[in-house]
Amino acid sequence: MFTKTFYTQLVNNKTYKIYWAGILVSLFFIATLISCSEKKTVWASVDKIELLEDDAIVLMESLGYQSNNKTDQKEFINKWIEQQLYIREMERSYPDKAQLMLLKSEWSKGDLARYFLEEGRIREELDTKISDSLVQLYYEQHSNEYSLSDYIVRALYLKIPKAAPDQDKLKELYLLKKNKDFSKIVSYANKYAENFYYNDSAWVYFDELTKDAPVENFNKDNVVLNRTKTYFSDDNYTYYLNIIDYKLKNEAPPFDFLKPIIKQALINQKLSNLKQKENASLIQTIRKKHEVISKY
């Protein structure tokens, strides 16, 4: 009786130990797989300094590279290796200067941190909504400070491939003699136009409007001042131009033309005021969050 009971207990104990040993082996195997799967991809290394893929992508995008572009990746990696070689050689050959370089780098990090912190706070506080009444008031007080550098016009402009069909009809439609002509032009332009512009309530610089047309062959003053309705061709395209209205060079621009410019000026003014405010208050706010010990 005693022998049988003792044997059973031993068997049970042995089975129990084998079971847990299997679990431990399985857990170790799983942990190894996870560790391997989470191992970071190394793009390059110099001595024991590694460039990890995640870090490389962040840095590339901040420097204006396209992180998924193989050519940019190659250029960036070569540049990173070159810089690391300079740093390592500096540390080996001129350790005192390397230490000074490190100290200056830490100093510069503070300036960079201040820039990002101020930018973040300003972005949170900056209200970019500017009322029309405020823009109107600014325009009335400062319109004499603005002058046109070139003609601005309200106009219809079309650039049509010469091979496009039904241009005899278009030569009538672009004159905008009938209200329904414009809808027909839009329909035609959607099918065939290389370039198309028309907004009778907005002003645009004439040179900007016609930058892809050979208008240098014409007298610009005559074209604009006579509110010309004309079309002309080169080897590949026919250009249709209908000047509806214009403002003279050196004349004070109309309110609608200056409105977005004035809004941006008022936003910049707000931004400048906020920066001055942040310069005074940011460091005091941050200081309260940290333990600071100083000789003075």
Protein backbone atom coordinates (compact mmCIF):
# COMPACT_ATOMS: atom_id res chain seq x y z
CA MET A 1 0.00 0.00 0.00
CA PHE A 2 2.73 2.37 1.01
CA THR A 3 4.85 1.34 -1.99
CA LYS A 4 2.02 1.80 -4.48
CA THR A 5 1.11 5.25 -3.18
CA PHE A 6 4.70 6.44 -3.18
CA TYR A 7 5.25 5.22 -6.76
CA THR A 8 2.16 7.02 -7.98
CA GLN A 9 3.31 10.24 -6.36
CA LEU A 10 6.70 9.97 -8.01
CA VAL A 11 5.14 9.39 -11.38
CA ASN A 12 2.87 12.40 -10.94
CA ASN A 13 5.76 14.60 -9.82
CA LYS A 14 7.86 13.54 -12.76
CA THR A 15 5.05 14.20 -15.19
CA TYR A 16 4.52 17.66 -13.65
CA LYS A 17 8.18 18.59 -14.05
CA ILE A 18 8.33 17.42 -17.66
CA TYR A 19 5.22 19.50 -18.44
CA TRP A 20 6.73 22.72 -17.06
CA ALA A 21 10.04 22.04 -18.75
CA GLY A 22 8.18 21.89 -22.08
CA ILE A 23 6.48 25.22 -21.36
CA LEU A 24 9.79 26.88 -20.50
CA VAL A 25 11.38 25.63 -23.72
CA SER A 26 8.37 26.88 -25.72
CA LEU A 27 8.47 30.27 -24.04
CA PHE A 28 12.18 30.61 -24.76
CA PHE A 29 11.59 29.69 -28.41
CA ILE A 30 8.73 32.23 -28.72
CA ALA A 31 10.81 34.95 -27.03
CA THR A 32 13.64 34.25 -29.46
CA LEU A 33 11.27 34.58 -32.43
CA ILE A 34 9.85 37.84 -31.09
CA SER A 35 13.34 39.18 -30.47
CA CYS A 36 14.35 38.31 -34.03
CA SER A 37 11.19 39.83 -35.50
CA GLU A 38 11.69 43.06 -33.52
CA LYS A 39 15.35 43.36 -34.43
CA LYS A 40 15.89 46.70 -36.12
CA THR A 41 17.11 46.82 -39.71
CA VAL A 42 20.56 48.35 -39.99
CA TRP A 43 21.15 50.45 -43.10
CA ALA A 44 24.81 51.22 -42.43
CA SER A 45 27.44 51.22 -39.69
CA VAL A 46 30.80 52.78 -38.95
CA ASP A 47 32.79 50.97 -36.29
CA LYS A 48 30.07 50.21 -33.72
CA ILE A 49 27.80 53.13 -34.62
CA GLU A 50 24.73 51.88 -36.51
CA LEU A 51 22.24 53.72 -38.71
CA LEU A 52 18.88 52.07 -38.02
CA GLU A 53 16.18 52.12 -40.69
CA ASP A 54 13.57 53.88 -38.50
CA ASP A 55 16.02 56.64 -37.57
CA ALA A 56 17.22 56.97 -41.15
CA ILE A 57 13.68 57.45 -42.49
CA VAL A 58 12.88 60.17 -39.94
CA LEU A 59 16.12 62.01 -40.64
CA MET A 60 15.82 61.65 -44.43
CA GLU A 61 12.33 63.13 -44.52
CA SER A 62 13.37 66.02 -42.26
CA LEU A 63 16.23 66.79 -44.66
CA GLY A 64 14.04 66.72 -47.76
CA TYR A 65 14.99 63.27 -49.08
CA GLN A 66 12.37 60.79 -50.30
CA SER A 67 12.81 57.89 -47.91
CA ASN A 68 11.30 55.33 -50.31
CA ASN A 69 13.49 56.43 -53.22
CA LYS A 70 16.51 54.13 -53.77
CA THR A 71 18.65 56.91 -55.24
CA ASP A 72 17.93 59.19 -52.28
CA GLN A 73 18.61 56.33 -49.87
CA LYS A 74 22.01 55.69 -51.44
CA GLU A 75 22.93 59.37 -51.39
CA PHE A 76 21.79 59.76 -47.77
CA ILE A 77 23.60 56.62 -46.54
CA ASN A 78 26.85 57.67 -48.24
CA LYS A 79 26.56 61.10 -46.65
CA TRP A 80 25.86 59.57 -43.23
CA ILE A 81 28.89 57.27 -43.51
CA GLU A 82 31.06 60.19 -44.56
CA GLN A 83 29.95 62.27 -41.59
CA GLN A 84 30.46 59.39 -39.15
CA LEU A 85 33.97 58.83 -40.50
CA TYR A 86 34.80 62.48 -39.88
CA ILE A 87 33.44 62.25 -36.33
CA ARG A 88 35.27 59.01 -35.49
CA GLU A 89 38.54 60.31 -36.95
CA MET A 90 38.13 63.55 -34.99
CA GLU A 91 37.67 61.58 -31.77
CA ARG A 92 40.77 59.49 -32.53
CA SER A 93 43.12 62.22 -33.73
CA TYR A 94 41.97 65.29 -31.76
CA PRO A 95 40.11 64.13 -28.63
CA ASP A 96 40.16 67.60 -27.01
CA LYS A 97 38.59 69.23 -30.04
CA ALA A 98 36.14 66.34 -30.32
CA GLN A 99 35.03 67.01 -26.75
CA LEU A 100 34.59 70.71 -27.58
CA MET A 101 32.58 69.74 -30.66
CA LEU A 102 30.33 67.59 -28.46
CA LEU A 103 29.81 70.44 -25.99
CA LYS A 104 28.94 72.85 -28.80
CA SER A 105 26.56 70.28 -30.24
CA GLU A 106 24.74 70.07 -26.90
CA TRP A 107 24.54 73.88 -26.83
CA SER A 108 23.05 73.93 -30.33
CA LYS A 109 20.52 71.25 -29.33
CA GLY A 110 19.20 73.69 -26.74
CA ASP A 111 18.65 76.36 -29.40
CA LEU A 112 16.93 73.82 -31.65
CA ALA A 113 14.75 72.58 -28.78
CA ARG A 114 13.73 76.16 -28.01
CA TYR A 115 12.75 76.69 -31.65
CA PHE A 116 10.53 73.60 -31.74
CA LEU A 117 8.95 74.33 -28.36
CA GLU A 118 8.17 77.93 -29.30
CA GLU A 119 6.82 76.84 -32.67
CA GLY A 120 4.54 74.29 -31.01
CA ARG A 121 3.18 76.77 -28.48
CA ILE A 122 2.67 79.46 -31.12
CA ARG A 123 0.84 77.04 -33.41
CA GLU A 124 -1.53 76.21 -30.56
CA GLU A 125 -2.23 79.85 -29.76
CA LEU A 126 -2.18 81.45 -33.20
CA ASP A 127 -5.63 82.30 -34.48
CA THR A 128 -5.46 82.57 -38.26
CA LYS A 129 -9.03 83.80 -38.61
CA ILE A 130 -9.03 87.39 -39.84
CA SER A 131 -12.35 89.20 -40.20
CA ASP A 132 -13.23 90.93 -43.48
CA SER A 133 -13.84 94.18 -41.59
CA LEU A 134 -10.29 94.13 -40.23
CA VAL A 135 -8.91 93.45 -43.71
CA GLN A 136 -11.02 96.31 -45.12
CA LEU A 137 -9.75 98.70 -42.43
CA TYR A 138 -6.15 97.74 -43.09
CA TYR A 139 -6.67 98.21 -46.84
CA GLU A 140 -8.10 101.70 -46.34
CA GLN A 141 -5.18 102.70 -44.14
CA HIS A 142 -2.36 101.09 -46.14
CA SER A 143 -3.46 100.76 -49.78
CA ASN A 144 -1.05 103.53 -50.77
CA GLU A 145 1.81 101.28 -49.64
CA TYR A 146 1.01 98.81 -52.41
CA SER A 147 1.42 99.24 -56.14
CA LEU A 148 1.13 96.86 -59.06
CA SER A 149 4.35 95.60 -60.61
CA ASP A 150 2.51 94.67 -63.80
CA TYR A 151 -0.95 94.74 -65.35
CA ILE A 152 -3.56 92.70 -63.56
CA VAL A 153 -6.53 91.51 -65.57
CA ARG A 154 -9.79 89.67 -65.43
CA ALA A 155 -9.69 87.48 -68.47
CA LEU A 156 -10.48 84.27 -70.30
CA TYR A 157 -7.49 82.24 -71.46
CA LEU A 158 -7.35 78.95 -73.35
CA LYS A 159 -4.44 76.90 -74.69
CA ILE A 160 -5.74 74.34 -77.18
CA PRO A 161 -3.79 71.78 -79.24
CA LYS A 162 -4.04 72.68 -82.93
CA ALA A 163 -5.35 69.21 -83.70
CA ALA A 164 -8.37 69.64 -81.40
CA PRO A 165 -11.70 69.61 -83.31
CA ASP A 166 -14.40 72.27 -83.73
CA GLN A 167 -12.16 75.28 -83.20
CA ASP A 168 -14.23 77.32 -85.61
CA LYS A 169 -17.03 77.17 -83.00
CA LEU A 170 -14.54 77.96 -80.22
CA LYS A 171 -13.49 81.13 -82.05
CA GLU A 172 -17.05 82.38 -81.53
CA LEU A 173 -17.60 81.02 -78.03
CA TYR A 174 -14.48 82.56 -76.40
CA LEU A 175 -15.86 86.05 -77.17
CA LEU A 176 -18.50 85.37 -74.46
CA LYS A 177 -21.27 87.17 -76.32
CA LYS A 178 -23.99 84.96 -74.83
CA ASN A 179 -24.44 83.73 -71.26
CA LYS A 180 -24.52 80.09 -72.33
CA ASP A 181 -21.21 80.42 -74.21
CA PHE A 182 -19.18 79.98 -71.04
CA SER A 183 -20.73 76.62 -70.13
CA LYS A 184 -19.93 75.40 -73.66
CA ILE A 185 -16.34 76.60 -73.28
CA VAL A 186 -15.97 74.73 -69.97
CA SER A 187 -17.27 71.56 -71.62
CA TYR A 188 -14.84 71.97 -74.51
CA ALA A 189 -11.91 72.84 -72.25
CA ASN A 190 -12.47 69.76 -70.09
CA LYS A 191 -12.01 67.62 -73.18
CA TYR A 192 -9.23 69.35 -75.08
CA ALA A 193 -7.56 72.27 -73.25
CA GLU A 194 -3.91 72.11 -72.24
CA ASN A 195 -4.55 75.18 -70.07
CA PHE A 196 -7.74 77.04 -69.21
CA TYR A 197 -8.46 80.00 -66.94
CA TYR A 198 -11.52 82.13 -66.36
CA ASN A 199 -12.70 83.88 -63.22
CA ASP A 200 -14.48 87.15 -63.88
CA SER A 201 -14.48 88.07 -60.16
CA ALA A 202 -10.73 87.57 -59.54
CA TRP A 203 -7.71 89.51 -60.68
CA VAL A 204 -4.53 87.86 -61.94
CA TYR A 205 -1.23 89.23 -63.22
CA PHE A 206 -1.23 89.23 -67.01
CA ASP A 207 2.25 87.72 -67.19
CA GLU A 208 1.22 84.91 -64.84
CA LEU A 209 -1.91 84.23 -66.89
CA THR A 210 -0.05 83.98 -70.20
CA LYS A 211 3.28 82.51 -69.02
CA ASP A 212 2.95 79.52 -71.37
CA ALA A 213 1.86 81.57 -74.41
CA PRO A 214 4.14 83.32 -76.97
CA VAL A 215 2.85 86.82 -76.11
CA GLU A 216 6.33 88.26 -76.60
CA ASN A 217 5.37 88.46 -80.26
CA PHE A 218 2.72 91.06 -79.38
CA ASN A 219 2.71 94.50 -77.83
CA LYS A 220 1.50 93.73 -74.31
CA ASP A 221 0.38 97.30 -73.67
CA ASN A 222 -1.87 97.26 -76.72
CA VAL A 223 -3.26 93.82 -75.91
CA VAL A 224 -4.22 94.79 -72.35
CA LEU A 225 -5.21 98.45 -72.73
CA ASN A 226 -7.47 97.72 -75.70
CA ARG A 227 -9.14 94.85 -73.84
CA THR A 228 -8.19 92.70 -76.77
CA LYS A 229 -10.09 89.61 -77.81
CA THR A 230 -7.66 87.63 -79.92
CA TYR A 231 -6.32 84.21 -80.79
CA PHE A 232 -2.95 83.24 -82.21
CA SER A 233 -0.96 80.07 -82.88
CA ASP A 234 2.48 78.53 -82.79
CA ASP A 235 3.50 75.15 -84.20
CA ASN A 236 1.53 73.11 -81.67
CA TYR A 237 -1.16 75.22 -80.02
CA THR A 238 -3.76 77.90 -80.56
CA TYR A 239 -4.15 80.47 -77.76
CA TYR A 240 -7.41 82.31 -77.04
CA LEU A 241 -7.34 85.49 -74.99
CA ASN A 242 -10.26 87.68 -73.95
CA ILE A 243 -9.32 90.64 -71.71
CA ILE A 244 -12.47 91.65 -69.81
CA ASP A 245 -10.96 94.30 -67.50
CA TYR A 246 -7.55 95.52 -66.37
CA LYS A 247 -5.68 97.66 -63.84
CA LEU A 248 -2.67 99.77 -64.78
CA LYS A 249 0.87 99.15 -63.69
CA ASN A 250 1.89 101.29 -60.67
CA GLU A 251 -1.79 101.79 -59.81
CA ALA A 252 -3.13 100.92 -56.34
CA PRO A 253 -4.44 97.35 -56.55
CA PRO A 254 -8.16 96.71 -55.99
CA PHE A 255 -9.31 95.36 -52.64
CA ASP A 256 -10.14 91.87 -53.93
CA PHE A 257 -6.64 91.50 -55.30
CA LEU A 258 -4.97 92.59 -52.06
CA LYS A 259 -7.32 90.75 -49.69
CA PRO A 260 -5.32 87.49 -49.40
CA ILE A 261 -2.06 89.46 -49.19
CA ILE A 262 -3.42 91.65 -46.37
CA LYS A 263 -4.76 88.62 -44.50
CA GLN A 264 -1.32 87.04 -44.58
CA ALA A 265 0.25 90.31 -43.42
CA LEU A 266 -2.13 90.45 -40.44
CA ILE A 267 -1.40 86.80 -39.58
CA ASN A 268 2.33 87.56 -39.72
CA GLN A 269 1.72 90.49 -37.39
CA LYS A 270 -0.06 88.20 -34.92
CA LEU A 271 2.78 85.72 -35.24
CA SER A 272 5.39 88.36 -34.45
CA ASN A 273 3.49 89.50 -31.36
CA LEU A 274 3.11 85.92 -30.14
CA LYS A 275 6.83 85.25 -30.60
CA GLN A 276 7.71 88.24 -28.45
CA LYS A 277 5.29 87.04 -25.78
CA GLU A 278 6.60 83.46 -25.91
CA ASN A 279 10.23 84.55 -25.63
CA ALA A 280 9.46 86.06 -22.25
CA SER A 281 7.18 83.38 -20.80
CA LEU A 282 8.26 80.02 -22.23
CA ILE A 283 11.45 79.52 -20.23
CA GLN A 284 9.71 80.48 -16.97
CA THR A 285 6.97 77.92 -17.64
CA ILE A 286 9.49 75.19 -18.43
CA ARG A 287 11.71 75.99 -15.45
CA LYS A 288 8.85 75.17 -13.05
CA LYS A 289 8.70 71.60 -14.41
CA HIS A 290 12.35 70.74 -13.77
CA GLU A 291 14.87 70.65 -10.91
CA VAL A 292 17.45 73.36 -11.62
CA ILE A 293 20.64 73.74 -9.54
CA SER A 294 23.04 76.59 -10.25
CA LYS A 295 26.15 78.05 -8.72
CA TYR A 296 24.47 81.46 -8.98
